Structure formats: C-alpha cells, structure tokens
Amino acid sequence: MRSAFVQGKAIKTLLLNCRKVVFRYPRMSDSGQMCRNYNRMILGGDYLSRNTPVKKRDTVKCLRGFISRMRKNDAIKIVAVVGGKAL
C-alpha cells in the first residue's frame, strides 16, 4: 500500500474566531518555528516532557525521524498553521 503522506500537504482547513487554521503534514522548513514555539512554552512555565530549551539541531533531527517514519506509515504528526506560523 502506498503512503498518502506528502510533506506540507493540507489535510483540513477551518475558520476559527475569524482566523484561518490549516492542518497539514509537517515539512523540514517548519523546524525553526517548532523550536521557537517549544522554547517559548518552556520559558513560559508550561509543563512539558522537557524543561530545558531545545536547540534547532535537535528539532531538525526529531522532525527528520518523524518524516522518515511517516513515509513508512509508522507514525503521524500534524502541524497547525495559524496566521502563517506553524504551531
């Protein structure tokens, strides 16, 4: 069976509170925004599995692994894009 995964492919688009929200598969260029968002949550005091800031290098490595597993249909990761920023 062939995988339906394509980097950046939009899955669903919604309009919430007058803002366009796009749910899509991740792409490697999302790693910078994902790293910044994660570190912002850590510094804000949110409880996450990690309490020290992450480096972009680690985020790229993790995302590369996820994308590789998604191509094999072993994992799934969805990115929400609001206002042009990947969350």
Foldseek 3Di string as FASTA:
>chain_A
DFAPDDAFDWDDWDQDPNWIKTKHAHDLVLLVLVLVVVQVCLVVPHDDPDNDRDDSVVSSVVSVVQVVCSRVVNHGDIWMAIPNHTD
